[in-house]
């Protein structure tokens, strides 16, 4: 078989994502806080960008452009250029052209069709003001020295270890045990393993571990749930033999709600088991969580929806989002006859700045349009609550606003909306439907809410099975199978009926 080298010509079409289009898509899927961080980073990297402290003609012009209905949607075009099938390549190419950046000639002169001077305001700078700020920053204490943090579980335990009467060798062993605890406060290592690592005897390790068991919080350094609860019960209920016996010998039966068996084996009335159950439920199964250093997750809504005079009003949350404009200082640099390299640099940064401003305004307009469409489809939810949520898919909103489904997915990801019914992620309004025997389908989230209410009102002595719940829903004209009820119950974090059973209903709280 002979080998040969030859050249051939091949004509093909290829879609290429420009950096500008990639940036526009990235901005679209950011939430408000992430967008603020991105703008801050761009302000640091692009000297032509600055914060517009007051309303200028530039901002008004851009707002008018963003508020007007354009011939093509940038977000739609971006997604089309990225994900369009082969048959739509021409449309994607046209979309890329409609979102092209301002034209700048290669020779370093700004194109006459692009009046960049409209984007430049009055520039003013005060050297003395800058020097005073620098002087104040130098005199101020370090910022990190002003930040306080709560003590961690490790710090809390080491402080208690330091004031114990243990010897130096025992304290070193105690530090090793404390360093080995997991975030829940449990000791995942066996006692023999700890003793071997520390080069200590098993008896010495056991003695130090027992001392740590007396530290606050109670139950810390336990090796399993049984030991953790026993440590707490011996301190809080030292005279309650039923509580101690249930934790020590019948924790498995308690988990499976076998209260009759526990009462029979301990030879006590069922009411006594119920009282012990309340005491055990007051104990902390994860003592280390009280001193966890995990930061709480705060939700800041990206959109607010208010009801005014019977109509819903959509307001984008732009608090903390700086208004951008182009710094006009560089107008003088171009007008002063700077060399070609400097002009090329300024023009590149100018294109980047203008594209960022345009992309941000287009992003806000896209989010508004998608939210407006969701309000139209889910109006009954906003008026009456979760039970009236309707089935909705991305395609419905995409067709309504004239965008690609992937654009709707990006807009609704990791963004939250404040509504008269509470705070929800935009993704929450998209869910599948459950058929009814008569009438329109019901949203899966509405069915979940109905299941949750049914279980919350059940008799805890005889909790409802999944099949019983399915039968109740069928009586309410909802066609649902038992396995679907079980799946939704698990998604709601609700235990099965065998583990929801209580020994007695209407139990009185035991005094502590």
Protein backbone atom coordinates (compact mmCIF):
# COMPACT_ATOMS: atom_id res chain seq x y z
CA UNK A 1 0.00 0.00 0.00
CA UNK A 2 1.58 3.28 -1.13
CA UNK A 3 1.54 6.37 1.05
CA UNK A 4 1.08 9.78 -0.48
CA UNK A 5 0.58 13.40 0.60
CA UNK A 6 -1.97 15.58 -1.14
CA UNK A 7 -3.85 18.83 -0.54
CA UNK A 8 -7.63 19.21 -0.69
CA UNK A 9 -10.00 22.15 -0.32
CA UNK A 10 -12.98 21.87 1.98
CA UNK A 11 -15.73 24.43 2.48
CA UNK A 12 -17.45 24.37 5.88
CA UNK A 13 -19.24 26.64 8.31
CA UNK A 14 -18.10 26.99 11.90
CA UNK A 15 -19.61 28.90 14.80
CA UNK A 16 -17.09 30.79 16.90
CA UNK A 17 -17.90 32.38 20.25
CA UNK A 18 -16.18 35.73 20.52
CA UNK A 19 -14.89 36.85 23.92
CA UNK A 20 -17.60 39.52 23.99
CA UNK A 21 -20.39 36.99 23.49
CA UNK A 22 -18.84 34.73 26.12
CA UNK A 23 -18.80 37.64 28.55
CA UNK A 24 -22.45 38.47 27.81
CA UNK A 25 -23.50 34.87 28.51
CA UNK A 26 -21.45 34.81 31.69
CA UNK A 27 -23.06 38.02 32.96
CA UNK A 28 -26.52 36.63 32.23
CA UNK A 29 -26.16 33.71 34.63
CA UNK A 30 -24.64 35.68 37.52
CA UNK A 31 -26.78 36.70 40.46
CA UNK A 32 -26.74 40.24 41.83
CA UNK A 33 -23.88 39.75 44.29
CA UNK A 34 -21.74 37.93 41.72
CA UNK A 35 -22.44 40.68 39.19
CA UNK A 36 -21.33 43.31 41.71
CA UNK A 37 -18.04 41.42 42.23
CA UNK A 38 -17.53 41.15 38.47
CA UNK A 39 -18.11 44.89 38.01
CA UNK A 40 -15.64 45.65 40.79
CA UNK A 41 -13.04 43.44 39.12
CA UNK A 42 -13.60 45.14 35.76
CA UNK A 43 -13.19 48.55 37.40
CA UNK A 44 -9.79 47.43 38.67
CA UNK A 45 -8.65 46.01 35.33
CA UNK A 46 -10.05 48.56 32.87
CA UNK A 47 -8.87 52.16 33.46
CA UNK A 48 -11.53 53.52 31.08
CA UNK A 49 -14.35 52.41 33.40
CA UNK A 50 -15.49 54.51 36.33
CA UNK A 51 -18.51 54.75 38.59
CA UNK A 52 -21.11 57.26 37.50
CA UNK A 53 -22.08 59.01 40.71
CA UNK A 54 -24.84 61.09 39.14
CA UNK A 55 -27.20 60.80 36.22
CA UNK A 56 -25.56 61.89 32.99
CA UNK A 57 -26.68 62.05 29.43
CA UNK A 58 -24.64 58.93 28.81
CA UNK A 59 -26.63 56.92 31.32
CA UNK A 60 -29.92 58.24 30.00
CA UNK A 61 -29.00 57.24 26.46
CA UNK A 62 -28.00 53.74 27.54
CA UNK A 63 -31.15 53.33 29.66
CA UNK A 64 -33.27 54.32 26.66
CA UNK A 65 -31.48 51.79 24.51
CA UNK A 66 -31.93 49.10 27.16
CA UNK A 67 -35.60 49.93 27.70
CA UNK A 68 -36.47 50.04 24.00
CA UNK A 69 -37.49 46.88 22.20
CA UNK A 70 -34.51 46.02 19.99
CA UNK A 71 -34.74 44.21 16.71
CA UNK A 72 -32.82 41.28 18.20
CA UNK A 73 -32.19 40.12 21.73
CA UNK A 74 -28.54 39.90 22.67
CA UNK A 75 -29.01 37.05 25.11
CA UNK A 76 -31.01 35.12 22.53
CA UNK A 77 -28.40 35.74 19.88
CA UNK A 78 -25.59 34.73 22.21
CA UNK A 79 -27.20 31.39 22.96
CA UNK A 80 -28.15 30.84 19.36
CA UNK A 81 -24.56 31.42 18.28
CA UNK A 82 -23.37 28.95 20.86
CA UNK A 83 -25.92 26.18 20.61
CA UNK A 84 -27.71 26.52 17.27
CA UNK A 85 -27.91 23.37 15.18
CA UNK A 86 -26.34 23.13 11.77
CA UNK A 87 -29.49 24.28 10.00
CA UNK A 88 -29.54 27.53 12.00
CA UNK A 89 -25.92 28.54 11.43
CA UNK A 90 -26.93 31.43 9.18
CA UNK A 91 -29.22 32.81 11.86
CA UNK A 92 -26.47 32.45 14.44
CA UNK A 93 -24.04 34.28 12.19
CA UNK A 94 -26.53 37.09 11.72
CA UNK A 95 -27.03 37.22 15.47
CA UNK A 96 -23.33 37.65 16.03
CA UNK A 97 -23.33 40.53 13.56
CA UNK A 98 -26.19 42.31 15.33
CA UNK A 99 -24.24 42.27 18.59
CA UNK A 100 -20.94 43.30 17.07
CA UNK A 101 -18.82 45.70 19.09
CA UNK A 102 -18.35 49.35 18.04
CA UNK A 103 -16.26 49.58 14.90
CA UNK A 104 -12.71 50.85 15.31
CA UNK A 105 -10.32 51.01 12.39
CA UNK A 106 -7.07 49.11 12.49
CA UNK A 107 -4.96 52.18 11.70
CA UNK A 108 -5.73 53.64 15.13
CA UNK A 109 -8.40 56.21 14.15
CA UNK A 110 -11.88 55.88 15.55
CA UNK A 111 -14.52 55.16 12.93
CA UNK A 112 -16.61 58.21 12.04
CA UNK A 113 -19.85 56.24 12.59
CA UNK A 114 -18.91 55.72 16.23
CA UNK A 115 -19.22 58.92 18.28
CA UNK A 116 -17.37 57.82 21.39
CA UNK A 117 -17.24 61.38 22.71
CA UNK A 118 -20.89 61.01 23.80
CA UNK A 119 -19.71 58.45 26.30
CA UNK A 120 -17.16 60.77 27.85
CA UNK A 121 -18.10 63.20 30.64
CA UNK A 122 -16.21 65.86 32.47
CA UNK A 123 -13.05 64.59 34.13
CA UNK A 124 -11.89 66.01 37.41
CA UNK A 125 -9.25 64.84 39.83
CA UNK A 126 -7.90 66.26 43.04
CA UNK A 127 -4.40 65.36 44.08
CA UNK A 128 -4.80 66.72 47.57
CA UNK A 129 -7.92 64.63 48.10
CA UNK A 130 -6.12 61.48 47.01
CA UNK A 131 -3.19 62.23 49.28
CA UNK A 132 -5.50 62.73 52.26
CA UNK A 133 -7.17 59.36 51.60
CA UNK A 134 -3.79 57.63 51.43
CA UNK A 135 -2.72 59.36 54.64
CA UNK A 136 -5.89 58.20 56.41
CA UNK A 137 -5.38 54.62 55.22
CA UNK A 138 -1.81 54.62 56.53
CA UNK A 139 -2.90 55.88 59.94
CA UNK A 140 -5.85 53.50 60.26
CA UNK A 141 -5.35 50.10 61.95
CA UNK A 142 -5.30 46.98 59.81
CA UNK A 143 -8.80 45.96 58.73
CA UNK A 144 -8.33 42.31 59.73
CA UNK A 145 -7.59 43.42 63.30
CA UNK A 146 -11.11 44.84 63.54
CA UNK A 147 -12.86 41.63 62.53
CA UNK A 148 -14.03 39.33 65.29
CA UNK A 149 -15.05 35.71 64.86
CA UNK A 150 -16.77 33.35 67.27
CA UNK A 151 -14.58 30.67 68.88
CA UNK A 152 -14.50 27.38 67.03
CA UNK A 153 -15.19 24.02 68.64
CA UNK A 154 -11.46 23.36 68.75
CA UNK A 155 -10.70 26.68 70.47
CA UNK A 156 -13.54 26.18 72.96
CA UNK A 157 -12.32 22.73 73.96
CA UNK A 158 -8.64 23.70 74.14
CA UNK A 159 -9.50 26.53 76.53
CA UNK A 160 -11.20 24.05 78.85
CA UNK A 161 -8.35 21.58 78.50
CA UNK A 162 -5.85 24.24 79.58
CA UNK A 163 -7.54 24.72 82.99
CA UNK A 164 -7.96 21.06 83.86
CA UNK A 165 -5.79 19.27 86.39
CA UNK A 166 -4.30 16.94 83.80
CA UNK A 167 -0.56 16.56 83.48
CA UNK A 168 1.44 17.93 80.55
CA UNK A 169 1.55 14.53 78.86
CA UNK A 170 -2.18 14.07 79.33
CA UNK A 171 -2.90 17.54 77.93
CA UNK A 172 -0.85 16.73 74.84
CA UNK A 173 -2.93 13.57 74.42
CA UNK A 174 -6.10 15.64 74.92
CA UNK A 175 -5.03 18.06 72.20
CA UNK A 176 -4.60 15.13 69.81
CA UNK A 177 -8.10 13.91 70.60
CA UNK A 178 -9.59 17.39 70.14
CA UNK A 179 -7.76 17.85 66.84
CA UNK A 180 -9.26 14.55 65.63
CA UNK A 181 -12.91 15.53 66.19
CA UNK A 182 -15.16 16.03 63.18
CA UNK A 183 -17.39 19.13 62.77
CA UNK A 184 -20.28 17.36 64.56
CA UNK A 185 -18.10 16.86 67.65
CA UNK A 186 -17.63 13.08 67.27
CA UNK A 187 -14.36 11.18 67.53
CA UNK A 188 -14.13 9.14 64.30
CA UNK A 189 -11.03 7.24 65.45
CA UNK A 190 -11.01 4.19 67.68
CA UNK A 191 -9.48 4.46 71.16
CA UNK A 192 -6.75 1.98 70.25
CA UNK A 193 -5.84 4.02 67.16
CA UNK A 194 -5.58 7.24 69.19
CA UNK A 195 -3.41 5.52 71.81
CA UNK A 196 -1.12 4.12 69.12
CA UNK A 197 -0.77 7.49 67.40
CA UNK A 198 0.05 9.22 70.68
CA UNK A 199 2.36 6.46 71.91
CA UNK A 200 0.29 6.19 75.08
CA UNK A 201 -1.37 3.35 76.94
CA UNK A 202 -5.02 2.48 76.39
CA UNK A 203 -5.86 3.22 80.04
CA UNK A 204 -4.28 6.68 79.86
CA UNK A 205 -6.13 7.48 76.63
CA UNK A 206 -9.43 6.35 78.15
CA UNK A 207 -8.88 8.58 81.19
CA UNK A 208 -8.21 11.67 79.06
CA UNK A 209 -11.21 10.92 76.83
CA UNK A 210 -13.48 10.65 79.87
CA UNK A 211 -12.23 14.06 81.02
CA UNK A 212 -13.09 15.59 77.63
CA UNK A 213 -16.55 14.02 77.85
CA UNK A 214 -17.18 16.37 80.76
CA UNK A 215 -16.39 19.45 78.68
CA UNK A 216 -18.94 21.81 77.22
CA UNK A 217 -20.83 21.11 75.00
CA UNK A 218 -22.11 17.90 76.56
CA UNK A 219 -21.65 14.83 74.39
CA UNK A 220 -18.52 16.06 72.64
CA UNK A 221 -15.83 13.51 71.72
CA UNK A 222 -18.36 10.65 71.72
CA UNK A 223 -17.65 7.77 69.38
CA UNK A 224 -21.26 7.12 68.33
CA UNK A 225 -24.78 8.46 68.82
CA UNK A 226 -25.52 6.14 71.72
CA UNK A 227 -22.50 7.33 73.71
CA UNK A 228 -23.25 10.98 72.85
CA UNK A 229 -26.82 10.78 74.15
CA UNK A 230 -25.77 8.79 77.24
CA UNK A 231 -23.25 11.46 78.24
CA UNK A 232 -25.94 14.12 78.06
CA UNK A 233 -28.64 12.02 79.75
CA UNK A 234 -26.39 11.11 82.69
CA UNK A 235 -25.82 14.81 83.30
CA UNK A 236 -29.37 16.08 82.66
CA UNK A 237 -31.47 13.12 83.88
CA UNK A 238 -29.23 11.19 86.30
CA UNK A 239 -32.21 9.72 88.21
CA UNK A 240 -34.32 8.78 85.19
CA UNK A 241 -33.51 5.09 84.73
CA UNK A 242 -36.03 4.68 81.90
CA UNK A 243 -34.35 7.33 79.77
CA UNK A 244 -30.90 5.84 80.41
CA UNK A 245 -32.11 2.30 79.70
CA UNK A 246 -33.81 3.27 76.43
CA UNK A 247 -30.68 5.05 75.15
CA UNK A 248 -28.37 2.27 76.30
CA UNK A 249 -30.38 -0.76 75.17
CA UNK A 250 -33.32 0.22 72.94
CA UNK A 251 -32.14 3.04 70.68
CA UNK A 252 -32.80 0.88 67.60
CA UNK A 253 -36.36 0.15 68.73
CA UNK A 254 -36.86 3.86 69.38
CA UNK A 255 -35.76 4.68 65.83
CA UNK A 256 -38.24 2.15 64.41
CA UNK A 257 -41.05 3.45 66.64
CA UNK A 258 -41.45 0.12 68.46
CA UNK A 259 -42.77 1.75 71.60
CA UNK A 260 -44.93 -1.17 72.69
CA UNK A 261 -41.92 -3.50 72.60
CA UNK A 262 -39.81 -1.03 74.61
CA UNK A 263 -42.55 -0.68 77.25
CA UNK A 264 -42.92 -4.43 77.48
CA UNK A 265 -39.20 -5.11 77.88
CA UNK A 266 -38.71 -2.37 80.47
CA UNK A 267 -41.99 -3.33 82.20
CA UNK A 268 -43.27 0.25 82.30
CA UNK A 269 -46.50 1.84 80.98
CA UNK A 270 -46.58 3.25 77.47
CA UNK A 271 -47.13 6.71 78.94
CA UNK A 272 -43.77 6.41 80.71
CA UNK A 273 -42.08 5.59 77.41
CA UNK A 274 -43.73 8.66 75.88
CA UNK A 275 -42.31 10.86 78.64
CA UNK A 276 -38.84 9.37 78.17
CA UNK A 277 -39.12 9.97 74.41
CA UNK A 278 -39.74 13.68 74.97
CA UNK A 279 -36.68 13.87 77.21
CA UNK A 280 -34.50 12.11 74.64
CA UNK A 281 -35.75 14.34 71.83
CA UNK A 282 -34.50 17.36 73.80
CA UNK A 283 -30.90 16.06 73.64
CA UNK A 284 -28.42 17.26 71.00
CA UNK A 285 -27.33 14.52 68.55
CA UNK A 286 -24.63 16.78 67.02
CA UNK A 287 -23.02 18.75 69.89
CA UNK A 288 -20.33 20.27 67.69
CA UNK A 289 -22.83 22.06 65.46
CA UNK A 290 -23.47 24.70 68.13
CA UNK A 291 -19.90 25.97 67.65
CA UNK A 292 -19.61 25.38 63.94
CA UNK A 293 -17.69 28.02 61.96
CA UNK A 294 -19.75 27.47 58.82
CA UNK A 295 -20.95 30.79 57.45
CA UNK A 296 -24.74 31.15 57.13
CA UNK A 297 -26.15 31.41 53.63
CA UNK A 298 -28.01 34.68 53.22
CA UNK A 299 -30.36 35.15 50.29
CA UNK A 300 -30.54 38.57 48.67
CA UNK A 301 -33.42 38.72 46.18
CA UNK A 302 -32.48 39.79 42.66
CA UNK A 303 -36.07 40.77 41.87
CA UNK A 304 -38.94 42.16 43.93
CA UNK A 305 -42.58 41.63 42.96
CA UNK A 306 -45.18 43.88 44.60
CA UNK A 307 -48.93 44.00 44.20
CA UNK A 308 -50.13 47.58 43.66
CA UNK A 309 -53.80 48.32 42.94
CA UNK A 310 -54.45 44.75 41.88
CA UNK A 311 -51.50 44.60 39.48
CA UNK A 312 -48.07 43.07 40.03
CA UNK A 313 -45.10 45.40 39.71
CA UNK A 314 -41.60 44.03 39.01
CA UNK A 315 -38.61 45.87 40.45
CA UNK A 316 -35.03 44.75 39.82
CA UNK A 317 -32.79 44.91 42.90
CA UNK A 318 -29.88 47.13 41.83
CA UNK A 319 -28.71 48.10 45.31
CA UNK A 320 -24.93 47.92 45.39
CA UNK A 321 -24.61 47.76 41.60
CA UNK A 322 -22.56 50.77 40.49
CA UNK A 323 -23.60 52.66 37.38
CA UNK A 324 -20.72 52.61 34.93
CA UNK A 325 -19.47 55.14 32.42
CA UNK A 326 -16.31 55.67 30.40
CA UNK A 327 -13.61 57.81 32.01
CA UNK A 328 -13.14 60.91 29.85
CA UNK A 329 -9.53 61.42 30.94
CA UNK A 330 -8.43 59.27 28.02
CA UNK A 331 -10.11 61.65 25.61
CA UNK A 332 -7.19 63.98 26.21
CA UNK A 333 -4.75 61.13 25.63
CA UNK A 334 -6.18 60.46 22.19
CA UNK A 335 -6.56 64.15 21.33
CA UNK A 336 -3.01 64.95 22.40
CA UNK A 337 -1.59 62.84 19.61
CA UNK A 338 -0.44 59.79 21.55
CA UNK A 339 1.60 57.20 19.71
CA UNK A 340 -0.10 54.36 17.86
CA UNK A 341 0.59 51.81 20.60
CA UNK A 342 -1.11 53.97 23.23
CA UNK A 343 -4.08 54.63 20.92
CA UNK A 344 -4.47 50.92 20.22
CA UNK A 345 -4.46 50.18 23.96
CA UNK A 346 -7.05 52.90 24.73
CA UNK A 347 -9.30 51.82 21.88
CA UNK A 348 -9.18 48.18 23.01
CA UNK A 349 -10.14 49.13 26.55
CA UNK A 350 -12.83 51.44 25.17
CA UNK A 351 -14.45 48.62 23.21
CA UNK A 352 -14.32 46.38 26.27
CA UNK A 353 -15.86 49.06 28.51
CA UNK A 354 -18.71 49.84 26.10
CA UNK A 355 -19.49 46.18 25.59
CA UNK A 356 -19.62 45.59 29.36
CA UNK A 357 -22.01 48.52 29.88
CA UNK A 358 -24.23 47.32 27.06
CA UNK A 359 -24.17 43.71 28.33
CA UNK A 360 -25.16 44.72 31.86
CA UNK A 361 -28.14 46.72 30.66
CA UNK A 362 -29.16 43.93 28.30
CA UNK A 363 -28.90 41.45 31.18
CA UNK A 364 -31.22 43.53 33.36
CA UNK A 365 -33.76 43.85 30.56
CA UNK A 366 -33.68 40.10 29.89
CA UNK A 367 -34.25 39.26 33.57
CA UNK A 368 -37.18 41.69 33.65
CA UNK A 369 -38.80 40.16 30.57
CA UNK A 370 -38.43 36.59 31.90
CA UNK A 371 -39.84 37.55 35.31
CA UNK A 372 -42.73 39.35 33.63
CA UNK A 373 -43.55 36.19 31.67
CA UNK A 374 -43.40 34.04 34.83
CA UNK A 375 -45.81 36.40 36.58
CA UNK A 376 -48.19 36.07 33.65
CA UNK A 377 -48.14 32.26 33.72
CA UNK A 378 -48.23 31.92 37.53
CA UNK A 379 -50.56 34.77 38.46
CA UNK A 380 -52.78 32.50 40.58
CA UNK A 381 -49.74 31.49 42.63
CA UNK A 382 -48.89 35.11 43.40
CA UNK A 383 -52.51 35.78 44.33
CA UNK A 384 -53.42 32.63 46.26
CA UNK A 385 -50.31 30.63 47.20
CA UNK A 386 -48.40 27.41 46.46
CA UNK A 387 -51.52 25.27 46.11
CA UNK A 388 -52.34 27.17 42.89
CA UNK A 389 -48.94 26.78 41.22
CA UNK A 390 -49.31 25.64 37.60
CA UNK A 391 -47.10 23.28 35.58
CA UNK A 392 -44.55 25.28 33.61
CA UNK A 393 -41.52 24.40 31.49
CA UNK A 394 -38.72 26.51 30.06
CA UNK A 395 -40.14 26.21 26.57
CA UNK A 396 -43.34 28.04 27.57
CA UNK A 397 -41.46 31.12 28.77
CA UNK A 398 -38.94 30.91 25.90
CA UNK A 399 -41.72 31.03 23.32
CA UNK A 400 -43.48 33.83 25.18
CA UNK A 401 -40.46 36.17 25.31
CA UNK A 402 -38.88 35.05 22.03
CA UNK A 403 -35.66 33.64 23.45
CA UNK A 404 -33.83 30.34 23.47
CA UNK A 405 -34.57 27.83 26.24
CA UNK A 406 -30.94 27.86 27.34
CA UNK A 407 -31.20 31.63 27.85
CA UNK A 408 -34.20 31.13 30.15
CA UNK A 409 -32.26 28.48 32.03
CA UNK A 410 -29.33 30.85 32.59
CA UNK A 411 -31.58 33.70 33.67
CA UNK A 412 -33.43 31.60 36.25
CA UNK A 413 -30.38 29.87 37.72
CA UNK A 414 -29.19 31.01 41.16
CA UNK A 415 -31.50 34.03 41.20
CA UNK A 416 -34.15 34.67 43.83
CA UNK A 417 -37.36 36.67 43.72
CA UNK A 418 -39.23 38.26 46.62
CA UNK A 419 -42.98 37.77 46.15
CA UNK A 420 -46.12 38.31 48.25
CA UNK A 421 -45.95 34.55 48.98
CA UNK A 422 -42.29 34.55 50.12
CA UNK A 423 -38.80 34.32 48.62
CA UNK A 424 -38.29 31.70 45.90
CA UNK A 425 -35.66 30.79 43.35
CA UNK A 426 -36.80 31.53 39.82
CA UNK A 427 -36.29 27.84 39.02
CA UNK A 428 -39.03 27.06 41.55
CA UNK A 429 -41.75 28.18 39.14
CA UNK A 430 -40.74 25.56 36.55
CA UNK A 431 -42.06 22.12 37.45
CA UNK A 432 -43.77 19.15 35.90
CA UNK A 433 -47.47 18.46 36.19
CA UNK A 434 -49.58 15.76 37.79
CA UNK A 435 -52.66 14.80 35.81
CA UNK A 436 -56.16 15.17 37.16
CA UNK A 437 -59.11 12.99 36.34
CA UNK A 438 -60.95 16.13 35.32
CA UNK A 439 -59.61 19.57 34.51
CA UNK A 440 -56.08 20.90 34.03
CA UNK A 441 -52.93 19.27 35.38
CA UNK A 442 -51.60 20.28 38.80
CA UNK A 443 -48.01 21.40 39.43
CA UNK A 444 -45.79 18.88 41.22
CA UNK A 445 -44.82 21.50 43.81
CA UNK A 446 -48.49 22.06 44.61
CA UNK A 447 -48.92 18.30 45.08
CA UNK A 448 -45.90 18.22 47.40
CA UNK A 449 -47.41 21.01 49.46
CA UNK A 450 -50.69 19.11 49.68
CA UNK A 451 -48.85 15.96 50.84
CA UNK A 452 -47.02 17.97 53.48
CA UNK A 453 -50.29 19.40 54.82
CA UNK A 454 -51.95 15.98 54.91
CA UNK A 455 -49.08 14.50 56.93
CA UNK A 456 -48.96 17.50 59.27
CA UNK A 457 -52.64 16.92 60.16
CA UNK A 458 -52.49 13.13 60.54
CA UNK A 459 -53.01 11.15 63.74
CA UNK A 460 -49.48 10.55 65.03
CA UNK A 461 -50.58 7.36 66.80
CA UNK A 462 -51.70 5.89 63.45
CA UNK A 463 -49.84 7.80 60.73
CA UNK A 464 -50.99 7.54 57.13
CA UNK A 465 -49.23 5.19 54.74
CA UNK A 466 -48.16 6.30 51.27
CA UNK A 467 -51.03 4.34 49.75
CA UNK A 468 -53.54 6.00 52.08
CA UNK A 469 -52.22 9.43 51.06
CA UNK A 470 -52.47 8.46 47.38
CA UNK A 471 -56.09 7.38 47.91
CA UNK A 472 -56.89 10.72 49.62
CA UNK A 473 -55.37 12.64 46.72
CA UNK A 474 -57.38 10.60 44.21
CA UNK A 475 -60.52 11.64 46.07
CA UNK A 476 -59.37 15.24 45.46
CA UNK A 477 -59.22 14.56 41.68
CA UNK A 478 -55.40 14.11 41.61
CA UNK A 479 -54.20 11.06 39.68
CA UNK A 480 -51.08 9.97 41.55
CA UNK A 481 -49.46 6.60 42.29
CA UNK A 482 -48.18 5.38 45.64
CA UNK A 483 -44.55 5.37 44.49
CA UNK A 484 -44.90 9.02 43.41
CA UNK A 485 -46.21 9.89 46.88
CA UNK A 486 -43.22 8.10 48.39
CA UNK A 487 -40.81 10.00 46.11
CA UNK A 488 -42.34 13.38 46.96
CA UNK A 489 -42.38 12.52 50.68
CA UNK A 490 -38.66 11.73 50.57
CA UNK A 491 -37.99 14.98 48.68
CA UNK A 492 -39.78 16.83 51.49
CA UNK A 493 -37.56 15.09 54.06
CA UNK A 494 -40.53 13.32 55.73
CA UNK A 495 -40.01 9.91 57.29
CA UNK A 496 -42.16 6.89 56.32
CA UNK A 497 -45.23 6.09 58.40
CA UNK A 498 -43.44 3.40 60.43
CA UNK A 499 -40.99 6.02 61.70
CA UNK A 500 -43.52 8.82 62.20
CA UNK A 501 -45.54 6.90 64.74
CA UNK A 502 -45.77 8.39 68.24
CA UNK A 503 -46.64 6.35 71.34
CA UNK A 504 -49.39 8.74 72.39
CA UNK A 505 -51.07 11.73 70.79
CA UNK A 506 -51.35 15.01 72.59
CA UNK A 507 -48.42 14.27 74.92
CA UNK A 508 -47.79 16.89 77.55
CA UNK A 509 -44.33 18.42 77.71
CA UNK A 510 -42.22 17.14 80.53
CA UNK A 511 -40.90 19.82 82.83
CA UNK A 512 -37.20 20.34 82.66
